[in-house]
Amino acid sequence: MRLSRLSLAALGLVLASASFAHADTIIDNLPTGTNNYFPIGIDGANVSPQYEAIGVGFTPTANVTLTETQVLVNHFSLQNTNANFDELLFTNNGGVPGTLVADLATDLVAPTVSNPTSASIVDVSGLSVALTAGNEYWFVLAPYDTNSFIGWAEDGASVLPEAGTRSGTTSSGWRFVYEGGSEQVALFSGSTAVTPEPSTFMLLGTGILGLAGAVRRKLSN
């Protein structure tokens, strides 16, 4: 049995208003340390139940365009196996991911580390996905290989009230891992255009953690 560890410290969404050319970060809760954020990824192992993806729900309060994602991950491998993953965006369907909106990135590589408490940011830029104010979406990490899966360990951050897993393909249905419990692991960072009221993006959930530092991005026309 091959085992690998994919420690996901934080998920980040960088969002920019479609009507502006410059964006500033307004939500940045990537942690300064990763000891309290410990999901686990297992590659090619026969484990039941097989949690094959992790996701978090969020609702933008303004019409925005998704331009960039940041995810803080690591791959702590016992047998030097791969920990590649995809990023997906879904609509909400009754509190779980529904219809696929966009395949944001495929075959991303989680950096291999010797210490499972360290991690690095995997950045995906150049996106252009319109999100509608008031609609709930799900941002999902899924394994790239069909025999892989991603699941949570027992400790995490109390941040988001919703999290889900998928079983099999993206169309085969979802189930909750945790709902409103203390073992949440996914965190977001986001940006929108500079306006008189810049806080136009909200997460579903409470307990936003301290800032890890401002992330500044300029969008090309």
N, C-alpha and C. Protein backbone atom coordinates (compact mmCIF):
# COMPACT_ATOMS: atom_id res chain seq x y z
N MET A 1 0.85 -1.18 0.00
CA MET A 1 0.00 0.00 0.00
C MET A 1 0.88 1.23 0.00
N ARG A 2 0.61 2.14 -0.91
CA ARG A 2 1.39 3.36 -1.00
C ARG A 2 0.67 4.46 -0.23
N LEU A 3 1.40 5.17 0.59
CA LEU A 3 0.83 6.25 1.36
C LEU A 3 1.56 7.54 1.06
N SER A 4 0.83 8.60 0.95
CA SER A 4 1.44 9.91 0.85
C SER A 4 0.61 10.88 1.65
N ARG A 5 1.24 11.92 2.12
CA ARG A 5 0.54 12.92 2.92
C ARG A 5 0.46 14.22 2.16
N LEU A 6 -0.73 14.72 2.03
CA LEU A 6 -0.95 16.01 1.38
C LEU A 6 -1.54 16.93 2.44
N SER A 7 -0.71 17.76 3.03
CA SER A 7 -1.16 18.63 4.11
C SER A 7 -1.62 19.95 3.54
N LEU A 8 -2.90 20.19 3.62
CA LEU A 8 -3.50 21.39 3.06
C LEU A 8 -3.68 22.40 4.17
N ALA A 9 -2.86 23.44 4.15
CA ALA A 9 -2.96 24.44 5.20
C ALA A 9 -4.00 25.48 4.88
N ALA A 10 -4.18 25.81 3.61
CA ALA A 10 -5.14 26.86 3.29
C ALA A 10 -5.49 26.83 1.83
N LEU A 11 -6.74 27.17 1.57
CA LEU A 11 -7.19 27.39 0.20
C LEU A 11 -7.36 28.88 0.01
N GLY A 12 -6.99 29.37 -1.13
CA GLY A 12 -7.17 30.80 -1.37
C GLY A 12 -7.83 31.06 -2.69
N LEU A 13 -8.75 31.97 -2.70
CA LEU A 13 -9.33 32.46 -3.94
C LEU A 13 -8.99 33.93 -4.07
N VAL A 14 -8.41 34.32 -5.19
CA VAL A 14 -8.18 35.73 -5.46
C VAL A 14 -9.20 36.18 -6.49
N LEU A 15 -10.00 37.15 -6.12
CA LEU A 15 -11.11 37.58 -6.95
C LEU A 15 -10.94 39.04 -7.34
N ALA A 16 -11.33 39.39 -8.56
CA ALA A 16 -11.25 40.79 -8.99
C ALA A 16 -12.53 41.17 -9.69
N SER A 17 -13.00 42.37 -9.45
CA SER A 17 -14.20 42.86 -10.12
C SER A 17 -13.95 42.97 -11.61
N ALA A 18 -14.92 42.52 -12.40
CA ALA A 18 -14.75 42.51 -13.85
C ALA A 18 -14.68 43.92 -14.43
N SER A 19 -15.12 44.91 -13.69
CA SER A 19 -15.18 46.27 -14.24
C SER A 19 -13.98 47.12 -13.86
N PHE A 20 -12.97 46.55 -13.19
CA PHE A 20 -11.80 47.29 -12.80
C PHE A 20 -10.55 46.55 -13.26
N ALA A 21 -9.46 47.30 -13.42
CA ALA A 21 -8.22 46.70 -13.90
C ALA A 21 -7.22 46.48 -12.78
N HIS A 22 -7.53 46.94 -11.57
CA HIS A 22 -6.61 46.81 -10.46
C HIS A 22 -7.34 46.18 -9.29
N ALA A 23 -6.66 45.29 -8.59
CA ALA A 23 -7.30 44.59 -7.48
C ALA A 23 -6.38 44.54 -6.29
N ASP A 24 -6.97 44.62 -5.10
CA ASP A 24 -6.25 44.48 -3.85
C ASP A 24 -6.86 43.34 -3.06
N THR A 25 -6.02 42.70 -2.28
CA THR A 25 -6.52 41.63 -1.43
C THR A 25 -7.38 42.20 -0.32
N ILE A 26 -8.53 41.63 -0.11
CA ILE A 26 -9.38 42.06 0.99
C ILE A 26 -9.59 40.94 2.01
N ILE A 27 -9.33 39.72 1.64
CA ILE A 27 -9.39 38.60 2.58
C ILE A 27 -8.11 37.81 2.42
N ASP A 28 -7.36 37.69 3.48
CA ASP A 28 -6.12 36.92 3.43
C ASP A 28 -5.93 36.25 4.78
N ASN A 29 -6.35 35.01 4.88
CA ASN A 29 -6.22 34.30 6.13
C ASN A 29 -5.38 33.04 5.98
N LEU A 30 -4.40 33.10 5.08
CA LEU A 30 -3.42 32.03 5.04
C LEU A 30 -2.64 32.07 6.35
N PRO A 31 -2.50 30.97 7.05
CA PRO A 31 -1.89 30.99 8.38
C PRO A 31 -0.38 31.17 8.31
N THR A 32 0.18 31.65 9.42
CA THR A 32 1.63 31.77 9.51
C THR A 32 2.27 30.43 9.86
N GLY A 33 1.51 29.52 10.40
CA GLY A 33 2.01 28.18 10.70
C GLY A 33 1.00 27.15 10.26
N THR A 34 1.41 25.91 10.14
CA THR A 34 0.51 24.89 9.59
C THR A 34 0.23 23.76 10.56
N ASN A 35 0.64 23.88 11.80
CA ASN A 35 0.48 22.76 12.72
C ASN A 35 -0.98 22.41 12.99
N ASN A 36 -1.87 23.39 12.87
CA ASN A 36 -3.28 23.15 13.16
C ASN A 36 -4.10 22.82 11.92
N TYR A 37 -3.43 22.64 10.79
CA TYR A 37 -4.14 22.39 9.54
C TYR A 37 -3.56 21.12 8.93
N PHE A 38 -4.24 20.02 9.12
CA PHE A 38 -3.61 18.76 8.81
C PHE A 38 -4.54 17.78 8.12
N PRO A 39 -5.01 18.09 6.92
CA PRO A 39 -5.65 17.04 6.14
C PRO A 39 -4.61 16.05 5.67
N ILE A 40 -5.05 14.92 5.23
CA ILE A 40 -4.11 13.88 4.81
C ILE A 40 -4.53 13.35 3.45
N GLY A 41 -3.58 13.16 2.56
CA GLY A 41 -3.86 12.58 1.25
C GLY A 41 -3.21 11.22 1.15
N ILE A 42 -3.90 10.28 0.59
CA ILE A 42 -3.38 8.93 0.45
C ILE A 42 -3.47 8.52 -1.01
N ASP A 43 -2.37 8.06 -1.58
CA ASP A 43 -2.30 7.74 -3.00
C ASP A 43 -2.25 6.23 -3.19
N GLY A 44 -3.21 5.67 -3.88
CA GLY A 44 -3.18 4.25 -4.24
C GLY A 44 -3.44 3.30 -3.09
N ALA A 45 -4.03 3.78 -2.00
CA ALA A 45 -4.25 2.92 -0.84
C ALA A 45 -5.69 2.41 -0.83
N ASN A 46 -5.88 1.20 -0.35
CA ASN A 46 -7.21 0.61 -0.25
C ASN A 46 -7.76 0.91 1.13
N VAL A 47 -8.39 2.06 1.28
CA VAL A 47 -8.89 2.52 2.56
C VAL A 47 -10.37 2.82 2.41
N SER A 48 -11.15 2.50 3.42
CA SER A 48 -12.58 2.77 3.38
C SER A 48 -12.98 3.50 4.67
N PRO A 49 -13.82 4.56 4.61
CA PRO A 49 -14.35 5.14 3.39
C PRO A 49 -13.30 5.93 2.64
N GLN A 50 -13.47 6.01 1.33
CA GLN A 50 -12.47 6.65 0.48
C GLN A 50 -12.90 8.09 0.21
N TYR A 51 -12.37 9.01 0.98
CA TYR A 51 -12.66 10.42 0.79
C TYR A 51 -11.81 10.93 -0.36
N GLU A 52 -12.44 11.27 -1.46
CA GLU A 52 -11.69 11.52 -2.68
C GLU A 52 -11.51 12.99 -3.02
N ALA A 53 -12.13 13.88 -2.31
CA ALA A 53 -11.93 15.30 -2.59
C ALA A 53 -12.37 16.10 -1.38
N ILE A 54 -11.91 17.34 -1.31
CA ILE A 54 -12.35 18.23 -0.25
C ILE A 54 -12.81 19.53 -0.88
N GLY A 55 -13.82 20.14 -0.28
CA GLY A 55 -14.36 21.36 -0.85
C GLY A 55 -14.92 22.27 0.21
N VAL A 56 -15.02 23.55 -0.12
CA VAL A 56 -15.60 24.54 0.78
C VAL A 56 -16.57 25.41 0.02
N GLY A 57 -17.68 25.76 0.67
CA GLY A 57 -18.67 26.62 0.05
C GLY A 57 -18.43 28.08 0.39
N PHE A 58 -18.71 28.97 -0.56
CA PHE A 58 -18.58 30.40 -0.33
C PHE A 58 -19.57 31.15 -1.20
N THR A 59 -19.94 32.36 -0.79
CA THR A 59 -20.92 33.16 -1.51
C THR A 59 -20.38 34.57 -1.72
N PRO A 60 -20.09 35.00 -2.95
CA PRO A 60 -19.67 36.39 -3.19
C PRO A 60 -20.85 37.33 -3.01
N THR A 61 -20.59 38.50 -2.45
CA THR A 61 -21.64 39.49 -2.25
C THR A 61 -21.67 40.55 -3.34
N ALA A 62 -20.80 40.39 -4.34
CA ALA A 62 -20.82 41.26 -5.52
C ALA A 62 -20.46 40.42 -6.73
N ASN A 63 -20.85 40.86 -7.91
CA ASN A 63 -20.43 40.17 -9.12
C ASN A 63 -18.92 40.34 -9.29
N VAL A 64 -18.22 39.24 -9.33
CA VAL A 64 -16.76 39.28 -9.40
C VAL A 64 -16.27 38.30 -10.46
N THR A 65 -15.03 38.45 -10.83
CA THR A 65 -14.38 37.53 -11.75
C THR A 65 -13.24 36.84 -11.04
N LEU A 66 -13.29 35.54 -11.00
CA LEU A 66 -12.21 34.75 -10.41
C LEU A 66 -11.01 34.81 -11.34
N THR A 67 -9.90 35.32 -10.86
CA THR A 67 -8.71 35.48 -11.69
C THR A 67 -7.53 34.65 -11.23
N GLU A 68 -7.52 34.22 -9.97
CA GLU A 68 -6.36 33.53 -9.45
C GLU A 68 -6.75 32.72 -8.22
N THR A 69 -6.11 31.59 -8.04
CA THR A 69 -6.28 30.81 -6.82
C THR A 69 -4.92 30.58 -6.19
N GLN A 70 -4.93 30.45 -4.87
CA GLN A 70 -3.73 30.09 -4.13
C GLN A 70 -4.10 29.01 -3.13
N VAL A 71 -3.32 27.96 -3.11
CA VAL A 71 -3.56 26.89 -2.15
C VAL A 71 -2.24 26.53 -1.49
N LEU A 72 -2.24 26.51 -0.17
CA LEU A 72 -1.04 26.20 0.60
C LEU A 72 -1.06 24.72 0.95
N VAL A 73 -0.17 23.96 0.32
CA VAL A 73 -0.20 22.50 0.46
C VAL A 73 1.21 21.96 0.65
N ASN A 74 1.26 20.71 1.08
CA ASN A 74 2.51 19.97 0.97
C ASN A 74 2.23 18.50 0.71
N HIS A 75 3.25 17.82 0.29
CA HIS A 75 3.19 16.39 0.03
C HIS A 75 4.27 15.73 0.87
N PHE A 76 3.81 15.07 1.94
CA PHE A 76 4.72 14.35 2.83
C PHE A 76 4.54 12.87 2.56
N SER A 77 5.49 12.30 1.83
CA SER A 77 5.32 10.95 1.31
C SER A 77 6.12 9.94 2.10
N LEU A 78 5.50 8.81 2.39
CA LEU A 78 6.20 7.71 3.04
C LEU A 78 6.97 6.87 2.04
N GLN A 79 6.51 6.85 0.78
CA GLN A 79 7.16 6.02 -0.23
C GLN A 79 7.43 6.80 -1.51
N ASN A 80 7.56 8.09 -1.39
CA ASN A 80 7.92 8.95 -2.51
C ASN A 80 6.90 8.86 -3.65
N THR A 81 5.63 8.73 -3.31
CA THR A 81 4.58 8.70 -4.32
C THR A 81 4.15 10.13 -4.65
N ASN A 82 3.41 10.28 -5.74
CA ASN A 82 2.97 11.59 -6.16
C ASN A 82 1.74 12.05 -5.38
N ALA A 83 1.55 13.35 -5.33
CA ALA A 83 0.34 13.92 -4.72
C ALA A 83 -0.14 15.05 -5.62
N ASN A 84 -0.59 14.69 -6.80
CA ASN A 84 -1.07 15.67 -7.77
C ASN A 84 -2.58 15.85 -7.62
N PHE A 85 -3.06 17.07 -7.88
CA PHE A 85 -4.47 17.34 -7.64
C PHE A 85 -5.00 18.32 -8.67
N ASP A 86 -6.33 18.36 -8.77
CA ASP A 86 -7.04 19.30 -9.63
C ASP A 86 -7.78 20.32 -8.77
N GLU A 87 -8.05 21.49 -9.34
CA GLU A 87 -8.90 22.49 -8.71
C GLU A 87 -10.16 22.64 -9.54
N LEU A 88 -11.32 22.55 -8.89
CA LEU A 88 -12.61 22.60 -9.57
C LEU A 88 -13.52 23.61 -8.89
N LEU A 89 -14.45 24.16 -9.65
CA LEU A 89 -15.44 25.09 -9.12
C LEU A 89 -16.82 24.58 -9.49
N PHE A 90 -17.70 24.46 -8.48
CA PHE A 90 -19.05 23.93 -8.67
C PHE A 90 -20.09 24.94 -8.21
N THR A 91 -21.31 24.80 -8.73
CA THR A 91 -22.45 25.47 -8.13
C THR A 91 -22.81 24.76 -6.84
N ASN A 92 -23.72 25.36 -6.07
CA ASN A 92 -24.23 24.72 -4.87
C ASN A 92 -25.55 24.02 -5.20
N ASN A 93 -25.73 22.85 -4.63
CA ASN A 93 -26.97 22.09 -4.84
C ASN A 93 -27.39 21.49 -3.50
N GLY A 94 -28.21 22.24 -2.77
CA GLY A 94 -28.70 21.73 -1.51
C GLY A 94 -27.63 21.53 -0.45
N GLY A 95 -26.63 22.38 -0.45
CA GLY A 95 -25.59 22.28 0.57
C GLY A 95 -24.41 21.42 0.21
N VAL A 96 -24.37 20.94 -1.02
CA VAL A 96 -23.22 20.17 -1.50
C VAL A 96 -22.90 20.65 -2.92
N PRO A 97 -21.71 20.34 -3.45
CA PRO A 97 -21.39 20.74 -4.82
C PRO A 97 -22.40 20.19 -5.82
N GLY A 98 -22.76 21.03 -6.80
CA GLY A 98 -23.74 20.63 -7.80
C GLY A 98 -23.12 20.49 -9.17
N THR A 99 -23.37 21.47 -10.04
CA THR A 99 -22.89 21.43 -11.42
C THR A 99 -21.49 22.02 -11.52
N LEU A 100 -20.64 21.38 -12.32
CA LEU A 100 -19.29 21.88 -12.53
C LEU A 100 -19.35 23.21 -13.28
N VAL A 101 -18.78 24.26 -12.70
CA VAL A 101 -18.70 25.58 -13.34
C VAL A 101 -17.44 25.70 -14.17
N ALA A 102 -16.31 25.29 -13.60
CA ALA A 102 -15.04 25.43 -14.29
C ALA A 102 -14.03 24.45 -13.74
N ASP A 103 -13.24 23.89 -14.64
CA ASP A 103 -12.07 23.10 -14.26
C ASP A 103 -10.91 24.09 -14.20
N LEU A 104 -10.59 24.57 -13.01
CA LEU A 104 -9.64 25.67 -12.86
C LEU A 104 -8.22 25.27 -13.17
N ALA A 105 -7.82 24.08 -12.77
CA ALA A 105 -6.44 23.63 -13.00
C ALA A 105 -6.39 22.12 -12.89
N THR A 106 -5.50 21.52 -13.67
CA THR A 106 -5.37 20.06 -13.72
C THR A 106 -3.93 19.66 -13.47
N ASP A 107 -3.77 18.59 -12.72
CA ASP A 107 -2.46 17.98 -12.48
C ASP A 107 -1.48 18.96 -11.83
N LEU A 108 -1.95 19.64 -10.79
CA LEU A 108 -1.06 20.48 -9.99
C LEU A 108 -0.21 19.59 -9.09
N VAL A 109 0.99 20.04 -8.79
CA VAL A 109 1.92 19.24 -8.01
C VAL A 109 2.08 19.84 -6.62
N ALA A 110 1.77 19.07 -5.60
CA ALA A 110 2.02 19.51 -4.24
C ALA A 110 3.50 19.36 -3.92
N PRO A 111 4.15 20.41 -3.44
CA PRO A 111 5.59 20.34 -3.16
C PRO A 111 5.91 19.28 -2.12
N THR A 112 6.93 18.49 -2.39
CA THR A 112 7.36 17.45 -1.46
C THR A 112 8.19 18.07 -0.35
N VAL A 113 7.90 17.69 0.88
CA VAL A 113 8.62 18.22 2.03
C VAL A 113 9.08 17.07 2.92
N SER A 114 10.08 17.32 3.73
CA SER A 114 10.55 16.33 4.69
C SER A 114 9.86 16.47 6.04
N ASN A 115 9.26 17.63 6.27
CA ASN A 115 8.55 17.90 7.52
C ASN A 115 7.09 18.17 7.19
N PRO A 116 6.15 17.37 7.70
CA PRO A 116 4.75 17.52 7.31
C PRO A 116 4.11 18.81 7.79
N THR A 117 4.77 19.57 8.67
CA THR A 117 4.18 20.82 9.13
C THR A 117 4.59 22.01 8.27
N SER A 118 5.41 21.79 7.24
CA SER A 118 5.77 22.87 6.33
C SER A 118 4.96 22.75 5.04
N ALA A 119 4.82 23.86 4.32
CA ALA A 119 4.01 23.84 3.11
C ALA A 119 4.42 25.00 2.21
N SER A 120 3.97 24.93 0.96
CA SER A 120 4.26 25.98 -0.02
C SER A 120 2.99 26.32 -0.77
N ILE A 121 2.95 27.54 -1.29
CA ILE A 121 1.78 27.99 -2.05
C ILE A 121 1.87 27.50 -3.49
N VAL A 122 0.81 26.89 -3.97
CA VAL A 122 0.64 26.57 -5.39
C VAL A 122 -0.32 27.60 -5.96
N ASP A 123 0.15 28.37 -6.92
CA ASP A 123 -0.59 29.50 -7.46
C ASP A 123 -1.08 29.18 -8.88
N VAL A 124 -2.34 29.49 -9.14
CA VAL A 124 -2.92 29.36 -10.49
C VAL A 124 -3.45 30.73 -10.88
N SER A 125 -2.89 31.32 -11.94
CA SER A 125 -3.31 32.65 -12.37
C SER A 125 -3.83 32.59 -13.81
N GLY A 126 -4.25 33.74 -14.31
CA GLY A 126 -4.75 33.81 -15.67
C GLY A 126 -6.15 33.28 -15.85
N LEU A 127 -6.91 33.14 -14.75
CA LEU A 127 -8.28 32.65 -14.83
C LEU A 127 -9.23 33.80 -15.15
N SER A 128 -10.38 33.46 -15.66
CA SER A 128 -11.43 34.45 -15.90
C SER A 128 -12.77 33.74 -15.81
N VAL A 129 -13.27 33.62 -14.58
CA VAL A 129 -14.53 32.92 -14.32
C VAL A 129 -15.46 33.89 -13.60
N ALA A 130 -16.58 34.22 -14.23
CA ALA A 130 -17.53 35.16 -13.65
C ALA A 130 -18.34 34.48 -12.55
N LEU A 131 -18.42 35.14 -11.40
CA LEU A 131 -19.21 34.66 -10.27
C LEU A 131 -20.30 35.67 -9.98
N THR A 132 -21.50 35.17 -9.69
CA THR A 132 -22.67 36.02 -9.50
C THR A 132 -22.92 36.27 -8.02
N ALA A 133 -23.17 37.52 -7.67
CA ALA A 133 -23.45 37.88 -6.29
C ALA A 133 -24.64 37.10 -5.75
N GLY A 134 -24.51 36.60 -4.54
CA GLY A 134 -25.60 35.88 -3.89
C GLY A 134 -25.68 34.41 -4.21
N ASN A 135 -24.96 33.95 -5.21
CA ASN A 135 -24.93 32.53 -5.54
C ASN A 135 -23.84 31.83 -4.74
N GLU A 136 -24.16 30.68 -4.18
CA GLU A 136 -23.15 29.92 -3.46
C GLU A 136 -22.38 29.03 -4.43
N TYR A 137 -21.08 28.98 -4.25
CA TYR A 137 -20.20 28.14 -5.06
C TYR A 137 -19.38 27.24 -4.15
N TRP A 138 -18.84 26.19 -4.75
CA TRP A 138 -17.93 25.30 -4.03
C TRP A 138 -16.59 25.26 -4.74
N PHE A 139 -15.53 25.52 -3.99
CA PHE A 139 -14.16 25.40 -4.47
C PHE A 139 -13.63 24.06 -3.97
N VAL A 140 -13.18 23.21 -4.90
CA VAL A 140 -12.89 21.81 -4.57
C VAL A 140 -11.49 21.42 -5.02
N LEU A 141 -10.79 20.69 -4.17
CA LEU A 141 -9.56 20.01 -4.56
C LEU A 141 -9.88 18.54 -4.74
N ALA A 142 -9.49 17.99 -5.87
CA ALA A 142 -9.74 16.59 -6.17
C ALA A 142 -8.44 15.94 -6.62
N PRO A 143 -8.26 14.65 -6.37
CA PRO A 143 -7.04 13.97 -6.79
C PRO A 143 -6.96 13.88 -8.31
N TYR A 144 -5.79 14.01 -8.84
CA TYR A 144 -5.59 13.91 -10.28
C TYR A 144 -5.69 12.46 -10.74
N ASP A 145 -5.16 11.55 -9.98
CA ASP A 145 -5.18 10.13 -10.33
C ASP A 145 -6.45 9.49 -9.79
N THR A 146 -7.02 8.57 -10.56
CA THR A 146 -8.28 7.95 -10.17
C THR A 146 -8.13 7.05 -8.95
N ASN A 147 -6.92 6.57 -8.66
CA ASN A 147 -6.75 5.69 -7.52
C ASN A 147 -6.28 6.46 -6.29
N SER A 148 -6.35 7.79 -6.34
CA SER A 148 -5.91 8.61 -5.23
C SER A 148 -7.11 9.23 -4.53
N PHE A 149 -6.88 9.69 -3.33
CA PHE A 149 -7.92 10.46 -2.67
C PHE A 149 -7.31 11.39 -1.65
N ILE A 150 -8.10 12.37 -1.23
CA ILE A 150 -7.68 13.36 -0.25
C ILE A 150 -8.69 13.35 0.88
N GLY A 151 -8.22 13.25 2.10
CA GLY A 151 -9.13 13.26 3.25
C GLY A 151 -8.51 14.02 4.40
N TRP A 152 -9.33 14.32 5.40
CA TRP A 152 -8.86 15.09 6.54
C TRP A 152 -8.32 14.21 7.65
N ALA A 153 -7.30 14.71 8.34
CA ALA A 153 -6.90 14.14 9.61
C ALA A 153 -7.78 14.73 10.70
N GLU A 154 -7.45 14.49 11.95
CA GLU A 154 -8.38 14.78 13.03
C GLU A 154 -8.30 16.20 13.58
N ASP A 155 -7.32 16.99 13.19
CA ASP A 155 -7.27 18.34 13.72
C ASP A 155 -7.25 19.35 12.59
N GLY A 156 -7.84 20.50 12.86
CA GLY A 156 -7.92 21.52 11.83
C GLY A 156 -8.39 22.83 12.41
N ALA A 157 -8.86 23.72 11.56
CA ALA A 157 -9.25 25.06 11.99
C ALA A 157 -10.77 25.19 12.02
N SER A 158 -11.28 25.88 13.01
CA SER A 158 -12.73 26.11 13.11
C SER A 158 -13.09 27.35 12.30
N VAL A 159 -13.28 27.18 11.02
CA VAL A 159 -13.49 28.33 10.15
C VAL A 159 -14.77 28.19 9.34
N LEU A 160 -14.92 27.13 8.61
CA LEU A 160 -16.02 27.03 7.64
C LEU A 160 -17.06 26.01 8.08
N PRO A 161 -18.34 26.30 7.87
CA PRO A 161 -19.38 25.39 8.32
C PRO A 161 -19.67 24.26 7.36
N GLU A 162 -19.12 24.33 6.16
CA GLU A 162 -19.46 23.32 5.17
C GLU A 162 -18.21 22.72 4.56
N ALA A 163 -18.21 21.44 4.38
CA ALA A 163 -17.12 20.75 3.70
C ALA A 163 -17.67 19.47 3.13
N GLY A 164 -17.14 19.03 2.01
CA GLY A 164 -17.68 17.84 1.38
C GLY A 164 -16.62 16.98 0.77
N THR A 165 -16.98 15.77 0.44
CA THR A 165 -16.09 14.88 -0.27
C THR A 165 -16.83 14.35 -1.49
N ARG A 166 -16.09 13.86 -2.44
CA ARG A 166 -16.75 13.20 -3.56
C ARG A 166 -16.30 11.76 -3.60
N SER A 167 -17.15 10.93 -4.13
CA SER A 167 -16.85 9.51 -4.25
C SER A 167 -16.89 9.15 -5.73
N GLY A 168 -15.77 8.69 -6.26
CA GLY A 168 -15.71 8.36 -7.67
C GLY A 168 -15.54 9.60 -8.52
N THR A 169 -16.33 9.73 -9.58
CA THR A 169 -16.20 10.86 -10.48
C THR A 169 -16.92 12.07 -9.91
N THR A 170 -16.74 13.22 -10.57
CA THR A 170 -17.36 14.44 -10.07
C THR A 170 -18.88 14.42 -10.17
N SER A 171 -19.45 13.48 -10.89
CA SER A 171 -20.90 13.43 -11.04
C SER A 171 -21.54 12.34 -10.20
N SER A 172 -20.76 11.66 -9.37
CA SER A 172 -21.30 10.49 -8.68
C SER A 172 -21.88 10.80 -7.32
N GLY A 173 -21.88 12.05 -6.90
CA GLY A 173 -22.52 12.37 -5.64
C GLY A 173 -21.54 12.80 -4.57
N TRP A 174 -22.08 13.52 -3.56
CA TRP A 174 -21.26 14.09 -2.51
C TRP A 174 -21.83 13.72 -1.15
N ARG A 175 -20.98 13.81 -0.15
CA ARG A 175 -21.43 13.60 1.22
C ARG A 175 -20.60 14.50 2.13
N PHE A 176 -21.13 14.79 3.31
CA PHE A 176 -20.42 15.65 4.25
C PHE A 176 -19.36 14.86 5.01
N VAL A 177 -18.21 15.50 5.20
CA VAL A 177 -17.23 14.99 6.15
C VAL A 177 -17.48 15.63 7.50
N TYR A 178 -17.49 16.95 7.53
CA TYR A 178 -17.79 17.70 8.74
C TYR A 178 -18.78 18.79 8.38
N GLU A 179 -19.67 19.08 9.31
CA GLU A 179 -20.59 20.19 9.10
C GLU A 179 -20.75 20.93 10.42
N GLY A 180 -20.20 22.12 10.48
CA GLY A 180 -20.32 22.92 11.68
C GLY A 180 -19.49 22.43 12.84
N GLY A 181 -18.57 21.51 12.59
CA GLY A 181 -17.72 21.00 13.66
C GLY A 181 -16.45 21.81 13.80
N SER A 182 -15.52 21.28 14.57
CA SER A 182 -14.28 22.01 14.86
C SER A 182 -13.14 21.58 13.96
N GLU A 183 -13.39 20.69 13.03
CA GLU A 183 -12.29 20.11 12.27
C GLU A 183 -12.32 20.56 10.82
N GLN A 184 -12.33 21.86 10.63
CA GLN A 184 -12.30 22.42 9.29
C GLN A 184 -10.88 22.82 8.92
N VAL A 185 -10.55 22.73 7.67
CA VAL A 185 -9.17 22.96 7.27
C VAL A 185 -9.01 23.98 6.15
N ALA A 186 -10.06 24.35 5.47
CA ALA A 186 -9.92 25.17 4.28
C ALA A 186 -10.10 26.64 4.60
N LEU A 187 -9.16 27.45 4.15
CA LEU A 187 -9.20 28.89 4.36
C LEU A 187 -9.08 29.60 3.02
N PHE A 188 -9.64 30.79 2.94
CA PHE A 188 -9.63 31.53 1.68
C PHE A 188 -8.88 32.85 1.80
N SER A 189 -8.27 33.26 0.72
CA SER A 189 -7.90 34.66 0.54
C SER A 189 -8.58 35.16 -0.71
N GLY A 190 -8.93 36.42 -0.74
CA GLY A 190 -9.63 36.92 -1.90
C GLY A 190 -9.33 38.37 -2.16
N SER A 191 -9.59 38.82 -3.36
CA SER A 191 -9.42 40.23 -3.69
C SER A 191 -10.53 40.68 -4.60
N THR A 192 -10.82 41.95 -4.55
CA THR A 192 -11.78 42.55 -5.45
C THR A 192 -11.27 43.94 -5.79
N ALA A 193 -11.93 44.62 -6.70
CA ALA A 193 -11.44 45.92 -7.14
C ALA A 193 -11.53 46.94 -6.02
N VAL A 194 -10.69 47.97 -6.11
CA VAL A 194 -10.71 49.05 -5.14
C VAL A 194 -11.97 49.87 -5.36
N THR A 195 -12.82 49.90 -4.35
CA THR A 195 -14.06 50.66 -4.40
C THR A 195 -14.22 51.38 -3.07
N PRO A 196 -15.20 52.30 -2.93
CA PRO A 196 -15.42 52.94 -1.63
C PRO A 196 -15.74 51.94 -0.53
N GLU A 197 -16.31 50.80 -0.90
CA GLU A 197 -16.60 49.76 0.06
C GLU A 197 -15.96 48.47 -0.45
N PRO A 198 -14.69 48.24 -0.12
CA PRO A 198 -13.97 47.13 -0.73
C PRO A 198 -14.33 45.76 -0.20
N SER A 199 -15.00 45.67 0.94
CA SER A 199 -15.26 44.36 1.51
C SER A 199 -16.50 43.76 0.87
N THR A 200 -16.36 43.34 -0.37
CA THR A 200 -17.51 42.83 -1.12
C THR A 200 -17.49 41.34 -1.31
N PHE A 201 -16.65 40.66 -0.56
CA PHE A 201 -16.60 39.20 -0.66
C PHE A 201 -16.67 38.61 0.74
N MET A 202 -17.58 37.68 0.96
CA MET A 202 -17.74 37.08 2.28
C MET A 202 -17.66 35.57 2.16
N LEU A 203 -17.12 34.92 3.20
CA LEU A 203 -17.11 33.47 3.29
C LEU A 203 -18.30 33.02 4.12
N LEU A 204 -18.82 31.84 3.83
CA LEU A 204 -19.76 31.21 4.73
C LEU A 204 -18.95 30.65 5.88
N GLY A 205 -19.18 31.16 7.07
CA GLY A 205 -18.46 30.63 8.22
C GLY A 205 -17.94 31.75 9.08
N THR A 206 -17.39 31.37 10.23
CA THR A 206 -16.86 32.32 11.19
C THR A 206 -15.47 31.91 11.60
N GLY A 207 -14.84 32.75 12.42
CA GLY A 207 -13.54 32.41 12.97
C GLY A 207 -12.40 32.69 12.02
N ILE A 208 -12.47 33.77 11.23
CA ILE A 208 -11.39 34.08 10.31
C ILE A 208 -10.10 34.28 11.09
N LEU A 209 -9.05 33.65 10.65
CA LEU A 209 -7.78 33.68 11.35
C LEU A 209 -6.99 34.92 10.99
N GLY A 210 -5.88 35.14 11.71
CA GLY A 210 -5.03 36.30 11.47
C GLY A 210 -4.42 36.29 10.09
N LEU A 211 -4.09 37.46 9.63
CA LEU A 211 -3.54 37.60 8.28
C LEU A 211 -2.14 37.03 8.21
N ALA A 212 -1.82 36.43 7.09
CA ALA A 212 -0.46 35.95 6.85
C ALA A 212 0.34 36.98 6.08
N GLY A 213 -0.30 38.07 5.69
CA GLY A 213 0.38 39.11 4.91
C GLY A 213 -0.44 39.44 3.69
N ALA A 214 -0.40 40.67 3.26
CA ALA A 214 -1.20 41.08 2.10
C ALA A 214 -0.64 40.48 0.84
N VAL A 215 -1.53 40.05 -0.03
CA VAL A 215 -1.15 39.53 -1.33
C VAL A 215 -1.61 40.54 -2.37
N ARG A 216 -0.69 41.11 -3.10
CA ARG A 216 -1.04 42.13 -4.08
C ARG A 216 -0.89 41.58 -5.49
N ARG A 217 -1.89 41.81 -6.31
CA ARG A 217 -1.86 41.35 -7.69
C ARG A 217 -2.35 42.46 -8.61
N LYS A 218 -1.67 42.65 -9.74
CA LYS A 218 -2.16 43.55 -10.78
C LYS A 218 -2.65 42.72 -11.95
N LEU A 219 -3.81 43.06 -12.45
CA LEU A 219 -4.41 42.33 -13.56
C LEU A 219 -4.07 43.03 -14.86
N SER A 220 -3.68 42.27 -15.86
CA SER A 220 -3.42 42.84 -17.18
C SER A 220 -4.72 42.98 -17.94
N ASN A 221 -4.81 43.99 -18.74
CA ASN A 221 -6.02 44.23 -19.53
C ASN A 221 -6.13 43.19 -20.62
